PDB file of all heavy atoms in Angstrom:
ATOM      1  N   TYR A   1       0.815  -1.209   0.000  1.00  0.00           N
ATOM      2  CA  TYR A   1       0.000   0.000   0.000  1.00  0.00           C
ATOM      3  C   TYR A   1       0.853   1.265   0.000  1.00  0.00           C
ATOM      4  O   TYR A   1       1.970   1.281   0.505  1.00  0.00           O
ATOM      5  CB  TYR A   1      -0.908   0.033   1.233  1.00  0.00           C
ATOM      6  CG  TYR A   1      -2.175  -0.766   1.098  1.00  0.00           C
ATOM      7  CD1 TYR A   1      -2.298  -1.815   0.196  1.00  0.00           C
ATOM      8  CD2 TYR A   1      -3.269  -0.489   1.901  1.00  0.00           C
ATOM      9  CE1 TYR A   1      -3.473  -2.538   0.094  1.00  0.00           C
ATOM     10  CE2 TYR A   1      -4.447  -1.212   1.809  1.00  0.00           C
ATOM     11  CZ  TYR A   1      -4.536  -2.232   0.904  1.00  0.00           C
ATOM     12  OH  TYR A   1      -5.698  -2.946   0.807  1.00  0.00           O
ATOM     13  N   SER A   2       0.250   2.305  -0.511  1.00  0.00           N
ATOM     14  CA  SER A   2       0.766   3.666  -0.379  1.00  0.00           C
ATOM     15  C   SER A   2      -0.127   4.394   0.618  1.00  0.00           C
ATOM     16  O   SER A   2      -1.189   3.886   1.005  1.00  0.00           O
ATOM     17  CB  SER A   2       0.717   4.378  -1.731  1.00  0.00           C
ATOM     18  OG  SER A   2      -0.642   4.584  -2.122  1.00  0.00           O
ATOM     19  N   LEU A   3       0.271   5.599   1.011  1.00  0.00           N
ATOM     20  CA  LEU A   3      -0.589   6.395   1.895  1.00  0.00           C
ATOM     21  C   LEU A   3      -1.911   6.724   1.218  1.00  0.00           C
ATOM     22  O   LEU A   3      -2.957   6.745   1.871  1.00  0.00           O
ATOM     23  CB  LEU A   3       0.128   7.677   2.326  1.00  0.00           C
ATOM     24  CG  LEU A   3       1.359   7.484   3.210  1.00  0.00           C
ATOM     25  CD1 LEU A   3       1.963   8.834   3.581  1.00  0.00           C
ATOM     26  CD2 LEU A   3       1.031   6.678   4.459  1.00  0.00           C
ATOM     27  N   ASN A   4      -1.884   6.955  -0.097  1.00  0.00           N
ATOM     28  CA  ASN A   4      -3.138   7.232  -0.809  1.00  0.00           C
ATOM     29  C   ASN A   4      -4.084   6.034  -0.765  1.00  0.00           C
ATOM     30  O   ASN A   4      -5.294   6.191  -0.600  1.00  0.00           O
ATOM     31  CB  ASN A   4      -2.868   7.623  -2.262  1.00  0.00           C
ATOM     32  CG  ASN A   4      -2.348   9.036  -2.388  1.00  0.00           C
ATOM     33  OD1 ASN A   4      -2.480   9.852  -1.472  1.00  0.00           O
ATOM     34  ND2 ASN A   4      -1.741   9.350  -3.520  1.00  0.00           N
ATOM     35  N   GLU A   5      -3.527   4.834  -0.902  1.00  0.00           N
ATOM     36  CA  GLU A   5      -4.377   3.635  -0.857  1.00  0.00           C
ATOM     37  C   GLU A   5      -4.929   3.409   0.555  1.00  0.00           C
ATOM     38  O   GLU A   5      -6.084   2.999   0.721  1.00  0.00           O
ATOM     39  CB  GLU A   5      -3.591   2.419  -1.348  1.00  0.00           C
ATOM     40  CG  GLU A   5      -3.342   2.503  -2.846  1.00  0.00           C
ATOM     41  CD  GLU A   5      -2.267   1.536  -3.334  1.00  0.00           C
ATOM     42  OE1 GLU A   5      -1.270   1.307  -2.618  1.00  0.00           O
ATOM     43  OE2 GLU A   5      -2.432   1.028  -4.452  1.00  0.00           O
ATOM     44  N   ILE A   6      -4.141   3.710   1.560  1.00  0.00           N
ATOM     45  CA  ILE A   6      -4.633   3.596   2.931  1.00  0.00           C
ATOM     46  C   ILE A   6      -5.741   4.622   3.154  1.00  0.00           C
ATOM     47  O   ILE A   6      -6.757   4.319   3.790  1.00  0.00           O
ATOM     48  CB  ILE A   6      -3.482   3.743   3.943  1.00  0.00           C
ATOM     49  CG1 ILE A   6      -2.572   2.505   3.859  1.00  0.00           C
ATOM     50  CG2 ILE A   6      -4.014   3.929   5.362  1.00  0.00           C
ATOM     51  CD1 ILE A   6      -1.316   2.579   4.691  1.00  0.00           C
ATOM     52  N   HIS A   7      -5.584   5.816   2.594  1.00  0.00           N
ATOM     53  CA  HIS A   7      -6.635   6.830   2.732  1.00  0.00           C
ATOM     54  C   HIS A   7      -7.941   6.362   2.090  1.00  0.00           C
ATOM     55  O   HIS A   7      -9.017   6.510   2.687  1.00  0.00           O
ATOM     56  CB  HIS A   7      -6.193   8.157   2.116  1.00  0.00           C
ATOM     57  CG  HIS A   7      -7.248   9.214   2.232  1.00  0.00           C
ATOM     58  ND1 HIS A   7      -7.488   9.886   3.404  1.00  0.00           N
ATOM     59  CD2 HIS A   7      -8.150   9.671   1.332  1.00  0.00           C
ATOM     60  CE1 HIS A   7      -8.498  10.727   3.226  1.00  0.00           C
ATOM     61  NE2 HIS A   7      -8.911  10.618   1.973  1.00  0.00           N
ATOM     62  N   ARG A   8      -7.864   5.787   0.896  1.00  0.00           N
ATOM     63  CA  ARG A   8      -9.078   5.287   0.246  1.00  0.00           C
ATOM     64  C   ARG A   8      -9.728   4.185   1.077  1.00  0.00           C
ATOM     65  O   ARG A   8     -10.957   4.138   1.225  1.00  0.00           O
ATOM     66  CB  ARG A   8      -8.765   4.801  -1.173  1.00  0.00           C
ATOM     67  CG  ARG A   8      -8.614   5.935  -2.175  1.00  0.00           C
ATOM     68  CD  ARG A   8      -8.546   5.448  -3.606  1.00  0.00           C
ATOM     69  NE  ARG A   8      -7.304   4.768  -3.922  1.00  0.00           N
ATOM     70  CZ  ARG A   8      -6.164   5.395  -4.242  1.00  0.00           C
ATOM     71  NH1 ARG A   8      -6.119   6.710  -4.297  1.00  0.00           N
ATOM     72  NH2 ARG A   8      -5.087   4.711  -4.526  1.00  0.00           N
ATOM     73  N   SER A   9      -8.911   3.314   1.640  1.00  0.00           N
ATOM     74  CA  SER A   9      -9.451   2.266   2.521  1.00  0.00           C
ATOM     75  C   SER A   9     -10.115   2.870   3.740  1.00  0.00           C
ATOM     76  O   SER A   9     -11.189   2.419   4.175  1.00  0.00           O
ATOM     77  CB  SER A   9      -8.332   1.319   2.980  1.00  0.00           C
ATOM     78  OG  SER A   9      -7.823   0.587   1.892  1.00  0.00           O
ATOM     79  N   ALA A  10      -9.508   3.908   4.309  1.00  0.00           N
ATOM     80  CA  ALA A  10     -10.076   4.556   5.496  1.00  0.00           C
ATOM     81  C   ALA A  10     -11.440   5.158   5.189  1.00  0.00           C
ATOM     82  O   ALA A  10     -12.371   5.028   5.990  1.00  0.00           O
ATOM     83  CB  ALA A  10      -9.124   5.642   6.010  1.00  0.00           C
ATOM     84  N   SER A  11     -11.574   5.801   4.043  1.00  0.00           N
ATOM     85  CA  SER A  11     -12.864   6.396   3.675  1.00  0.00           C
ATOM     86  C   SER A  11     -13.933   5.329   3.531  1.00  0.00           C
ATOM     87  O   SER A  11     -15.071   5.516   3.965  1.00  0.00           O
ATOM     88  CB  SER A  11     -12.728   7.184   2.362  1.00  0.00           C
ATOM     89  OG  SER A  11     -11.905   8.308   2.561  1.00  0.00           O
ATOM     90  N   SER A  12     -13.564   4.196   2.951  1.00  0.00           N
ATOM     91  CA  SER A  12     -14.507   3.095   2.777  1.00  0.00           C
ATOM     92  C   SER A  12     -14.921   2.499   4.120  1.00  0.00           C
ATOM     93  O   SER A  12     -16.106   2.244   4.376  1.00  0.00           O
ATOM     94  CB  SER A  12     -13.874   2.024   1.887  1.00  0.00           C
ATOM     95  OG  SER A  12     -14.716   0.916   1.774  1.00  0.00           O
ATOM     96  N   VAL A  13     -13.960   2.279   4.999  1.00  0.00           N
ATOM     97  CA  VAL A  13     -14.261   1.725   6.324  1.00  0.00           C
ATOM     98  C   VAL A  13     -15.110   2.717   7.124  1.00  0.00           C
ATOM     99  O   VAL A  13     -16.056   2.324   7.812  1.00  0.00           O
ATOM    100  CB  VAL A  13     -12.962   1.355   7.081  1.00  0.00           C
ATOM    101  CG1 VAL A  13     -13.239   0.997   8.536  1.00  0.00           C
ATOM    102  CG2 VAL A  13     -12.248   0.207   6.376  1.00  0.00           C
ATOM    103  N   LEU A  14     -14.792   4.005   7.010  1.00  0.00           N
ATOM    104  CA  LEU A  14     -15.578   5.020   7.722  1.00  0.00           C
ATOM    105  C   LEU A  14     -17.029   5.006   7.246  1.00  0.00           C
ATOM    106  O   LEU A  14     -17.955   5.092   8.060  1.00  0.00           O
ATOM    107  CB  LEU A  14     -14.965   6.403   7.546  1.00  0.00           C
ATOM    108  CG  LEU A  14     -15.655   7.538   8.305  1.00  0.00           C
ATOM    109  CD1 LEU A  14     -15.664   7.280   9.808  1.00  0.00           C
ATOM    110  CD2 LEU A  14     -14.987   8.869   7.990  1.00  0.00           C
ATOM    111  N   ALA A  15     -17.240   4.868   5.944  1.00  0.00           N
ATOM    112  CA  ALA A  15     -18.609   4.799   5.412  1.00  0.00           C
ATOM    113  C   ALA A  15     -19.368   3.623   6.027  1.00  0.00           C
ATOM    114  O   ALA A  15     -20.532   3.760   6.424  1.00  0.00           O
ATOM    115  CB  ALA A  15     -18.579   4.685   3.898  1.00  0.00           C
ATOM    116  N   THR A  16     -18.713   2.482   6.131  1.00  0.00           N
ATOM    117  CA  THR A  16     -19.342   1.299   6.738  1.00  0.00           C
ATOM    118  C   THR A  16     -19.653   1.541   8.212  1.00  0.00           C
ATOM    119  O   THR A  16     -20.751   1.228   8.684  1.00  0.00           O
ATOM    120  CB  THR A  16     -18.413   0.076   6.588  1.00  0.00           C
ATOM    121  OG1 THR A  16     -18.189  -0.155   5.197  1.00  0.00           O
ATOM    122  CG2 THR A  16     -19.007  -1.164   7.230  1.00  0.00           C
ATOM    123  N   GLU A  17     -18.699   2.110   8.940  1.00  0.00           N
ATOM    124  CA  GLU A  17     -18.907   2.400  10.367  1.00  0.00           C
ATOM    125  C   GLU A  17     -20.082   3.354  10.554  1.00  0.00           C
ATOM    126  O   GLU A  17     -20.898   3.171  11.460  1.00  0.00           O
ATOM    127  CB  GLU A  17     -17.640   3.001  10.981  1.00  0.00           C
ATOM    128  CG  GLU A  17     -16.467   2.050  11.070  1.00  0.00           C
ATOM    129  CD  GLU A  17     -16.595   1.033  12.181  1.00  0.00           C
ATOM    130  OE1 GLU A  17     -17.342   1.273  13.149  1.00  0.00           O
ATOM    131  OE2 GLU A  17     -15.933  -0.022  12.094  1.00  0.00           O
ATOM    132  N   LEU A  18     -20.179   4.373   9.702  1.00  0.00           N
ATOM    133  CA  LEU A  18     -21.247   5.367   9.838  1.00  0.00           C
ATOM    134  C   LEU A  18     -22.620   4.775   9.518  1.00  0.00           C
ATOM    135  O   LEU A  18     -23.612   5.111  10.180  1.00  0.00           O
ATOM    136  CB  LEU A  18     -20.961   6.580   8.957  1.00  0.00           C
ATOM    137  CG  LEU A  18     -19.789   7.449   9.410  1.00  0.00           C
ATOM    138  CD1 LEU A  18     -19.527   8.556   8.399  1.00  0.00           C
ATOM    139  CD2 LEU A  18     -20.037   8.026  10.792  1.00  0.00           C
ATOM    140  N   ARG A  19     -22.687   3.892   8.539  1.00  0.00           N
ATOM    141  CA  ARG A  19     -23.963   3.236   8.223  1.00  0.00           C
ATOM    142  C   ARG A  19     -24.490   2.469   9.432  1.00  0.00           C
ATOM    143  O   ARG A  19     -25.690   2.428   9.686  1.00  0.00           O
ATOM    144  CB  ARG A  19     -23.816   2.318   7.016  1.00  0.00           C
ATOM    145  CG  ARG A  19     -23.945   3.034   5.683  1.00  0.00           C
ATOM    146  CD  ARG A  19     -24.106   2.074   4.524  1.00  0.00           C
ATOM    147  NE  ARG A  19     -22.960   1.197   4.327  1.00  0.00           N
ATOM    148  CZ  ARG A  19     -21.858   1.529   3.654  1.00  0.00           C
ATOM    149  NH1 ARG A  19     -21.744   2.716   3.110  1.00  0.00           N
ATOM    150  NH2 ARG A  19     -20.884   0.672   3.525  1.00  0.00           N
ATOM    151  N   GLN A  20     -23.578   1.871  10.190  1.00  0.00           N
ATOM    152  CA  GLN A  20     -23.972   1.075  11.357  1.00  0.00           C
ATOM    153  C   GLN A  20     -24.597   1.918  12.469  1.00  0.00           C
ATOM    154  O   GLN A  20     -25.288   1.385  13.333  1.00  0.00           O
ATOM    155  CB  GLN A  20     -22.774   0.296  11.897  1.00  0.00           C
ATOM    156  CG  GLN A  20     -22.296  -0.776  10.950  1.00  0.00           C
ATOM    157  CD  GLN A  20     -21.017  -1.448  11.431  1.00  0.00           C
ATOM    158  OE1 GLN A  20     -20.514  -1.200  12.518  1.00  0.00           O
ATOM    159  NE2 GLN A  20     -20.475  -2.323  10.596  1.00  0.00           N
ATOM    160  N   ILE A  21     -24.367   3.237  12.449  1.00  0.00           N
ATOM    161  CA  ILE A  21     -24.958   4.084  13.491  1.00  0.00           C
ATOM    162  C   ILE A  21     -25.992   5.057  12.912  1.00  0.00           C
ATOM    163  O   ILE A  21     -26.361   6.036  13.559  1.00  0.00           O
ATOM    164  CB  ILE A  21     -23.877   4.840  14.300  1.00  0.00           C
ATOM    165  CG1 ILE A  21     -22.988   5.714  13.402  1.00  0.00           C
ATOM    166  CG2 ILE A  21     -23.062   3.874  15.126  1.00  0.00           C
ATOM    167  CD1 ILE A  21     -22.018   6.587  14.171  1.00  0.00           C
ATOM    168  N   GLY A  22     -26.462   4.779  11.696  1.00  0.00           N
ATOM    169  CA  GLY A  22     -27.595   5.512  11.164  1.00  0.00           C
ATOM    170  C   GLY A  22     -27.308   6.630  10.188  1.00  0.00           C
ATOM    171  O   GLY A  22     -28.223   7.359   9.804  1.00  0.00           O
ATOM    172  N   PHE A  23     -26.069   6.787   9.748  1.00  0.00           N
ATOM    173  CA  PHE A  23     -25.754   7.796   8.743  1.00  0.00           C
ATOM    174  C   PHE A  23     -26.096   7.275   7.354  1.00  0.00           C
ATOM    175  O   PHE A  23     -25.927   6.091   7.069  1.00  0.00           O
ATOM    176  CB  PHE A  23     -24.255   8.125   8.755  1.00  0.00           C
ATOM    177  CG  PHE A  23     -23.857   9.181   9.729  1.00  0.00           C
ATOM    178  CD1 PHE A  23     -23.814   8.913  11.083  1.00  0.00           C
ATOM    179  CD2 PHE A  23     -23.502  10.442   9.287  1.00  0.00           C
ATOM    180  CE1 PHE A  23     -23.422   9.876  11.981  1.00  0.00           C
ATOM    181  CE2 PHE A  23     -23.110  11.419  10.184  1.00  0.00           C
ATOM    182  CZ  PHE A  23     -23.073  11.137  11.537  1.00  0.00           C
ATOM    183  N   ARG A  24     -26.523   8.166   6.508  1.00  0.00           N
ATOM    184  CA  ARG A  24     -26.740   7.857   5.095  1.00  0.00           C
ATOM    185  C   ARG A  24     -25.832   8.773   4.282  1.00  0.00           C
ATOM    186  O   ARG A  24     -26.282   9.571   3.474  1.00  0.00           O
ATOM    187  CB  ARG A  24     -28.206   8.068   4.706  1.00  0.00           C
ATOM    188  CG  ARG A  24     -29.187   7.192   5.445  1.00  0.00           C
ATOM    189  CD  ARG A  24     -29.025   5.720   5.075  1.00  0.00           C
ATOM    190  NE  ARG A  24     -29.901   4.876   5.867  1.00  0.00           N
ATOM    191  CZ  ARG A  24     -29.482   4.092   6.852  1.00  0.00           C
ATOM    192  NH1 ARG A  24     -28.222   4.062   7.181  1.00  0.00           N
ATOM    193  NH2 ARG A  24     -30.336   3.335   7.512  1.00  0.00           N
ATOM    194  N   ALA A  25     -24.535   8.706   4.538  1.00  0.00           N
ATOM    195  CA  ALA A  25     -23.571   9.600   3.903  1.00  0.00           C
ATOM    196  C   ALA A  25     -23.088   9.019   2.582  1.00  0.00           C
ATOM    197  O   ALA A  25     -22.778   7.839   2.486  1.00  0.00           O
ATOM    198  CB  ALA A  25     -22.387   9.825   4.838  1.00  0.00           C
ATOM    199  N   THR A  26     -23.013   9.882   1.578  1.00  0.00           N
ATOM    200  CA  THR A  26     -22.464   9.494   0.285  1.00  0.00           C
ATOM    201  C   THR A  26     -20.940   9.576   0.332  1.00  0.00           C
ATOM    202  O   THR A  26     -20.364  10.158   1.264  1.00  0.00           O
ATOM    203  CB  THR A  26     -22.977  10.433  -0.821  1.00  0.00           C
ATOM    204  OG1 THR A  26     -22.446  11.748  -0.576  1.00  0.00           O
ATOM    205  CG2 THR A  26     -24.505  10.466  -0.867  1.00  0.00           C
ATOM    206  N   ASP A  27     -20.282   9.030  -0.681  1.00  0.00           N
ATOM    207  CA  ASP A  27     -18.822   9.154  -0.774  1.00  0.00           C
ATOM    208  C   ASP A  27     -18.425  10.630  -0.805  1.00  0.00           C
ATOM    209  O   ASP A  27     -17.438  11.028  -0.191  1.00  0.00           O
ATOM    210  CB  ASP A  27     -18.295   8.451  -2.024  1.00  0.00           C
ATOM    211  CG  ASP A  27     -18.390   6.938  -1.918  1.00  0.00           C
ATOM    212  OD1 ASP A  27     -18.589   6.424  -0.796  1.00  0.00           O
ATOM    213  OD2 ASP A  27     -18.277   6.269  -2.964  1.00  0.00           O
TER     214      ASP A  27
END
């Protein structure tokens, strides 16, 4: 991985975490 790839992974994981607590956030 590069830092950019880790950042993309973080955004994806954050989206999943937020869905679990009721957020409907887009990318």
